[in-house]
C-alpha atoms as a PDB file:
ATOM      1  CA  MET A   1      92.513  75.875  75.118  1.00  0.00           C
ATOM      2  CA  SER A   2      90.243  74.973  77.980  1.00  0.00           C
ATOM      3  CA  ARG A   3      89.802  71.304  78.857  1.00  0.00           C
ATOM      4  CA  ILE A   4      86.124  71.726  77.946  1.00  0.00           C
ATOM      5  CA  ALA A   5      85.369  73.686  74.793  1.00  0.00           C
ATOM      6  CA  ALA A   6      83.992  77.189  75.119  1.00  0.00           C
ATOM      7  CA  LEU A   7      80.931  78.343  73.210  1.00  0.00           C
ATOM      8  CA  GLN A   8      81.788  80.215  70.057  1.00  0.00           C
ATOM      9  CA  PRO A   9      79.774  83.044  68.490  1.00  0.00           C
ATOM     10  CA  PRO A  10      77.159  83.456  67.322  1.00  0.00           C
ATOM     11  CA  TYR A  11      75.550  82.636  70.656  1.00  0.00           C
ATOM     12  CA  ALA A  12      71.921  81.683  71.190  1.00  0.00           C
ATOM     13  CA  PRO A  13      69.907  84.895  71.727  1.00  0.00           C
ATOM     14  CA  ASP A  14      69.235  84.210  75.427  1.00  0.00           C
ATOM     15  CA  ILE A  15      72.914  83.440  76.077  1.00  0.00           C
ATOM     16  CA  GLN A  16      73.956  86.586  74.178  1.00  0.00           C
ATOM     17  CA  GLN A  17      71.581  88.667  76.313  1.00  0.00           C
ATOM     18  CA  GLN A  18      73.034  87.158  79.492  1.00  0.00           C
ATOM     19  CA  PHE A  19      76.588  87.789  78.312  1.00  0.00           C
ATOM     20  CA  ASP A  20      75.683  91.372  77.408  1.00  0.00           C
ATOM     21  CA  ARG A  21      74.173  91.974  80.842  1.00  0.00           C
ATOM     22  CA  ILE A  22      77.166  90.502  82.692  1.00  0.00           C
ATOM     23  CA  MET A  23      79.876  91.912  80.430  1.00  0.00           C
ATOM     24  CA  ARG A  24      78.151  95.227  79.662  1.00  0.00           C
ATOM     25  CA  GLY A  25      78.709  94.796  75.922  1.00  0.00           C
ATOM     26  CA  ARG A  26      82.301  93.561  76.076  1.00  0.00           C
ATOM     27  CA  PRO A  27      83.155  90.106  74.692  1.00  0.00           C
ATOM     28  CA  PRO A  28      82.388  87.339  77.209  1.00  0.00           C
ATOM     29  CA  LEU A  29      85.200  85.843  79.246  1.00  0.00           C
ATOM     30  CA  ALA A  30      86.349  82.299  78.505  1.00  0.00           C
ATOM     31  CA  LEU A  31      85.041  81.277  81.941  1.00  0.00           C
ATOM     32  CA  PHE A  32      81.513  82.351  81.016  1.00  0.00           C
ATOM     33  CA  ARG A  33      81.700  80.819  77.536  1.00  0.00           C
ATOM     34  CA  VAL A  34      82.814  77.460  78.943  1.00  0.00           C
ATOM     35  CA  ILE A  35      80.234  77.343  81.739  1.00  0.00           C
ATOM     36  CA  ALA A  36      77.423  78.509  79.410  1.00  0.00           C
ATOM     37  CA  GLY A  37      78.093  75.442  77.258  1.00  0.00           C
ATOM     38  CA  ASN A  38      76.511  73.384  80.046  1.00  0.00           C
ATOM     39  CA  ALA A  39      72.965  74.687  80.579  1.00  0.00           C
ATOM     40  CA  ARG A  40      72.613  73.329  84.123  1.00  0.00           C
ATOM     41  CA  ALA A  41      76.024  74.597  85.246  1.00  0.00           C
ATOM     42  CA  TRP A  42      75.348  78.030  83.689  1.00  0.00           C
ATOM     43  CA  GLU A  43      71.959  78.305  85.388  1.00  0.00           C
ATOM     44  CA  LYS A  44      73.422  77.331  88.785  1.00  0.00           C
ATOM     45  CA  PHE A  45      76.414  79.620  88.327  1.00  0.00           C
ATOM     46  CA  ARG A  46      74.223  82.621  87.527  1.00  0.00           C
ATOM     47  CA  ALA A  47      71.743  81.774  90.307  1.00  0.00           C
ATOM     48  CA  GLY A  48      74.481  81.536  92.928  1.00  0.00           C
ATOM     49  CA  SER A  49      76.584  84.311  91.542  1.00  0.00           C
ATOM     50  CA  LEU A  50      77.587  87.449  93.345  1.00  0.00           C
ATOM     51  CA  LEU A  51      78.092  89.556  90.249  1.00  0.00           C
ATOM     52  CA  ASP A  52      76.026  92.415  91.655  1.00  0.00           C
ATOM     53  CA  ARG A  53      77.460  95.246  93.756  1.00  0.00           C
ATOM     54  CA  GLY A  54      76.343  93.917  97.135  1.00  0.00           C
ATOM     55  CA  PRO A  55      76.802  95.647 100.502  1.00  0.00           C
ATOM     56  CA  LEU A  56      80.609  95.882 100.442  1.00  0.00           C
ATOM     57  CA  PRO A  57      82.367  98.862  98.885  1.00  0.00           C
ATOM     58  CA  LEU A  58      84.207  97.949  95.667  1.00  0.00           C
ATOM     59  CA  ARG A  59      87.615  98.186  97.334  1.00  0.00           C
ATOM     60  CA  GLU A  60      86.824  95.650 100.064  1.00  0.00           C
ATOM     61  CA  ARG A  61      84.999  93.413  97.616  1.00  0.00           C
ATOM     62  CA  GLU A  62      88.028  93.306  95.333  1.00  0.00           C
ATOM     63  CA  ILE A  63      90.436  92.665  98.210  1.00  0.00           C
ATOM     64  CA  VAL A  64      88.331  89.653  99.213  1.00  0.00           C
ATOM     65  CA  ILE A  65      88.129  88.352  95.647  1.00  0.00           C
ATOM     66  CA  ASP A  66      91.784  88.984  94.795  1.00  0.00           C
ATOM     67  CA  ARG A  67      93.041  87.386  98.000  1.00  0.00           C
ATOM     68  CA  THR A  68      90.741  84.375  97.616  1.00  0.00           C
ATOM     69  CA  CYS A  69      91.876  83.827  94.042  1.00  0.00           C
ATOM     70  CA  ALA A  70      95.519  84.269  95.003  1.00  0.00           C
ATOM     71  CA  LEU A  71      95.226  81.713  97.811  1.00  0.00           C
ATOM     72  CA  THR A  72      93.721  79.180  95.411  1.00  0.00           C
ATOM     73  CA  GLY A  73      96.449  79.858  92.846  1.00  0.00           C
ATOM     74  CA  CYS A  74      93.869  81.068  90.323  1.00  0.00           C
ATOM     75  CA  GLU A  75      95.809  83.474  88.155  1.00  0.00           C
ATOM     76  CA  TYR A  76      92.945  83.492  85.639  1.00  0.00           C
ATOM     77  CA  GLU A  77      90.296  85.045  87.912  1.00  0.00           C
ATOM     78  CA  TRP A  78      92.763  87.097  89.944  1.00  0.00           C
ATOM     79  CA  GLY A  79      94.069  88.630  86.718  1.00  0.00           C
ATOM     80  CA  VAL A  80      90.594  89.375  85.371  1.00  0.00           C
ATOM     81  CA  HIS A  81      89.611  91.164  88.583  1.00  0.00           C
ATOM     82  CA  VAL A  82      92.841  93.114  88.939  1.00  0.00           C
ATOM     83  CA  ALA A  83      92.616  94.310  85.333  1.00  0.00           C
ATOM     84  CA  ALA A  84      88.902  95.092  85.425  1.00  0.00           C
ATOM     85  CA  PHE A  85      88.487  96.521  88.928  1.00  0.00           C
ATOM     86  CA  GLY A  86      91.864  97.134  90.582  1.00  0.00           C
ATOM     87  CA  GLU A  87      92.220 100.754  89.559  1.00  0.00           C
ATOM     88  CA  ALA A  88      88.552 101.604  90.193  1.00  0.00           C
ATOM     89  CA  ALA A  89      88.886  99.987  93.631  1.00  0.00           C
ATOM     90  CA  GLY A  90      91.859 102.240  94.387  1.00  0.00           C
ATOM     91  CA  LEU A  91      94.308  99.367  94.824  1.00  0.00           C
ATOM     92  CA  THR A  92      97.941 100.381  94.443  1.00  0.00           C
ATOM     93  CA  GLY A  93     100.523  98.209  92.720  1.00  0.00           C
ATOM     94  CA  GLU A  94     101.928  97.333  96.132  1.00  0.00           C
ATOM     95  CA  GLN A  95      98.486  96.256  97.361  1.00  0.00           C
ATOM     96  CA  VAL A  96      97.796  94.196  94.251  1.00  0.00           C
ATOM     97  CA  ARG A  97     101.123  92.389  94.741  1.00  0.00           C
ATOM     98  CA  ALA A  98     100.360  91.935  98.443  1.00  0.00           C
ATOM     99  CA  THR A  99      97.168  90.019  97.640  1.00  0.00           C
ATOM    100  CA  VAL A 100      99.428  87.337  96.189  1.00  0.00           C
ATOM    101  CA  LEU A 101     102.752  87.649  97.993  1.00  0.00           C
ATOM    102  CA  LYS A 102     101.982  88.920 101.503  1.00  0.00           C
ATOM    103  CA  GLY A 103      99.450  88.468 104.256  1.00  0.00           C
ATOM    104  CA  ALA A 104      97.360  90.732 106.389  1.00  0.00           C
ATOM    105  CA  ALA A 105     100.379  92.131 108.205  1.00  0.00           C
ATOM    106  CA  ALA A 106     101.648  93.941 105.090  1.00  0.00           C
ATOM    107  CA  ARG A 107     102.035  97.631 105.863  1.00  0.00           C
ATOM    108  CA  CYS A 108     100.096  98.671 102.778  1.00  0.00           C
ATOM    109  CA  TRP A 109      96.759  97.726 104.384  1.00  0.00           C
ATOM    110  CA  SER A 110      94.600  99.744 106.745  1.00  0.00           C
ATOM    111  CA  ALA A 111      93.564  98.173 110.058  1.00  0.00           C
ATOM    112  CA  ALA A 112      90.145  97.237 108.640  1.00  0.00           C
ATOM    113  CA  GLU A 113      91.754  95.730 105.536  1.00  0.00           C
ATOM    114  CA  GLN A 114      94.127  93.695 107.687  1.00  0.00           C
ATOM    115  CA  VAL A 115      91.129  92.260 109.550  1.00  0.00           C
ATOM    116  CA  LEU A 116      89.438  91.565 106.223  1.00  0.00           C
ATOM    117  CA  ILE A 117      92.449  89.716 104.832  1.00  0.00           C
ATOM    118  CA  THR A 118      92.852  87.768 108.083  1.00  0.00           C
ATOM    119  CA  ALA A 119      89.235  86.631 107.705  1.00  0.00           C
ATOM    120  CA  VAL A 120      89.755  85.613 104.071  1.00  0.00           C
ATOM    121  CA  ASP A 121      92.853  83.648 105.038  1.00  0.00           C
ATOM    122  CA  ALA A 122      91.055  81.937 107.932  1.00  0.00           C
ATOM    123  CA  LEU A 123      88.130  80.952 105.728  1.00  0.00           C
ATOM    124  CA  HIS A 124      90.514  79.618 103.082  1.00  0.00           C
ATOM    125  CA  HIS A 125      92.708  77.623 105.458  1.00  0.00           C
ATOM    126  CA  ARG A 126      90.181  76.502 108.090  1.00  0.00           C
ATOM    127  CA  ALA A 127      86.753  77.119 106.526  1.00  0.00           C
ATOM    128  CA  THR A 128      85.752  79.050 109.643  1.00  0.00           C
ATOM    129  CA  LEU A 129      86.387  82.136 111.716  1.00  0.00           C
ATOM    130  CA  ASP A 130      87.287  81.827 115.370  1.00  0.00           C
ATOM    131  CA  ASP A 131      85.618  84.094 117.920  1.00  0.00           C
ATOM    132  CA  ALA A 132      88.462  86.617 117.904  1.00  0.00           C
ATOM    133  CA  GLU A 133      88.473  86.842 114.088  1.00  0.00           C
ATOM    134  CA  PHE A 134      84.689  87.286 113.987  1.00  0.00           C
ATOM    135  CA  THR A 135      84.791  89.932 116.710  1.00  0.00           C
ATOM    136  CA  ALA A 136      87.526  91.813 114.858  1.00  0.00           C
ATOM    137  CA  LEU A 137      85.545  91.617 111.611  1.00  0.00           C
ATOM    138  CA  SER A 138      82.410  92.833 113.405  1.00  0.00           C
ATOM    139  CA  ALA A 139      84.273  95.916 114.601  1.00  0.00           C
ATOM    140  CA  HIS A 140      84.622  97.079 110.980  1.00  0.00           C
ATOM    141  CA  TYR A 141      81.767  95.449 109.063  1.00  0.00           C
ATOM    142  CA  ASP A 142      78.039  95.040 109.696  1.00  0.00           C
ATOM    143  CA  ASP A 143      76.159  91.730 109.482  1.00  0.00           C
ATOM    144  CA  ALA A 144      75.215  92.143 105.801  1.00  0.00           C
ATOM    145  CA  GLN A 145      78.841  92.871 104.909  1.00  0.00           C
ATOM    146  CA  ILE A 146      80.076  89.870 106.908  1.00  0.00           C
ATOM    147  CA  PHE A 147      77.634  87.627 105.030  1.00  0.00           C
ATOM    148  CA  GLU A 148      78.939  89.107 101.785  1.00  0.00           C
ATOM    149  CA  ILE A 149      82.582  88.517 102.764  1.00  0.00           C
ATOM    150  CA  ILE A 150      81.904  84.858 103.560  1.00  0.00           C
ATOM    151  CA  LEU A 151      79.783  84.383 100.420  1.00  0.00           C
ATOM    152  CA  LEU A 152      82.415  86.023  98.208  1.00  0.00           C
ATOM    153  CA  CYS A 153      85.133  83.765  99.631  1.00  0.00           C
ATOM    154  CA  GLY A 154      83.064  80.662  98.915  1.00  0.00           C
ATOM    155  CA  PHE A 155      81.870  81.780  95.500  1.00  0.00           C
ATOM    156  CA  TYR A 156      85.309  82.807  94.261  1.00  0.00           C
ATOM    157  CA  ARG A 157      86.840  79.623  95.621  1.00  0.00           C
ATOM    158  CA  THR A 158      84.339  77.806  93.401  1.00  0.00           C
ATOM    159  CA  VAL A 159      85.183  80.084  90.466  1.00  0.00           C
ATOM    160  CA  SER A 160      88.862  79.350  91.105  1.00  0.00           C
ATOM    161  CA  TYR A 161      88.191  75.606  91.101  1.00  0.00           C
ATOM    162  CA  LEU A 162      86.426  75.969  87.763  1.00  0.00           C
ATOM    163  CA  ALA A 163      89.119  78.115  86.160  1.00  0.00           C
ATOM    164  CA  ASN A 164      91.964  75.981  87.505  1.00  0.00           C
ATOM    165  CA  GLY A 165      90.284  72.604  86.934  1.00  0.00           C
ATOM    166  CA  LEU A 166      89.276  73.496  83.384  1.00  0.00           C
ATOM    167  CA  ASP A 167      92.744  74.951  82.738  1.00  0.00           C
ATOM    168  CA  LEU A 168      91.300  78.126  81.267  1.00  0.00           C
ATOM    169  CA  PRO A 169      93.774  80.097  79.190  1.00  0.00           C
ATOM    170  CA  LEU A 170      94.576  83.472  80.728  1.00  0.00           C
ATOM    171  CA  GLU A 171      92.588  86.346  79.279  1.00  0.00           C
ATOM    172  CA  GLU A 172      94.716  88.508  76.975  1.00  0.00           C
ATOM    173  CA  LYS A 173      94.207  91.767  78.882  1.00  0.00           C
ATOM    174  CA  ALA A 174      94.218  90.252  82.367  1.00  0.00           C
ATOM    175  CA  ALA A 175      96.952  90.908  84.921  1.00  0.00           C
ATOM    176  CA  ARG A 176      99.514  88.220  85.705  1.00  0.00           C
ATOM    177  CA  PHE A 177     100.656  87.065  89.123  1.00  0.00           C
ATOM    178  CA  PRO A 178     103.683  89.031  90.327  1.00  0.00           C
ATOM    179  CA  ALA A 179     106.972  87.141  90.411  1.00  0.00           C
ATOM    180  CA  ASN A 180     108.027  88.725  93.715  1.00  0.00           C
END
């Protein structure tokens, strides 16, 4: 059980509509049910959320999210994203494992993906990009995509704090961190 109780069905009609829009008819995740129990937190979460497609292709988006969640030790959100989007994003088993166990130098990544992972790691560890990292990122991604990369790192760090701090139970169908 989560440290803060999750909403249980039946949900208020407006909450049900929001869940339906986010989850596309599937049952809402524990993360959403817990946050929605606090009206202010739910409003801020949805207002600041990056649940839309955005300017990054799905593959790059998921690499950023998976790596951010792995760096924060958030098996909950990492597992949800790997299960829900990993295959559609074209991530191989080796690449999924590499988001947790390896860095940008792993041979399974393209040059652009290595730059992307280097940026995610820099933002996680130093909360900034140095000039060389930004220049390398700019060689592969336009300004809108760079904004999205930085925003995704920050947003999913926050999501990871919520999932980890609330001790959310892992979703039944979510992936689990690889052992090695």
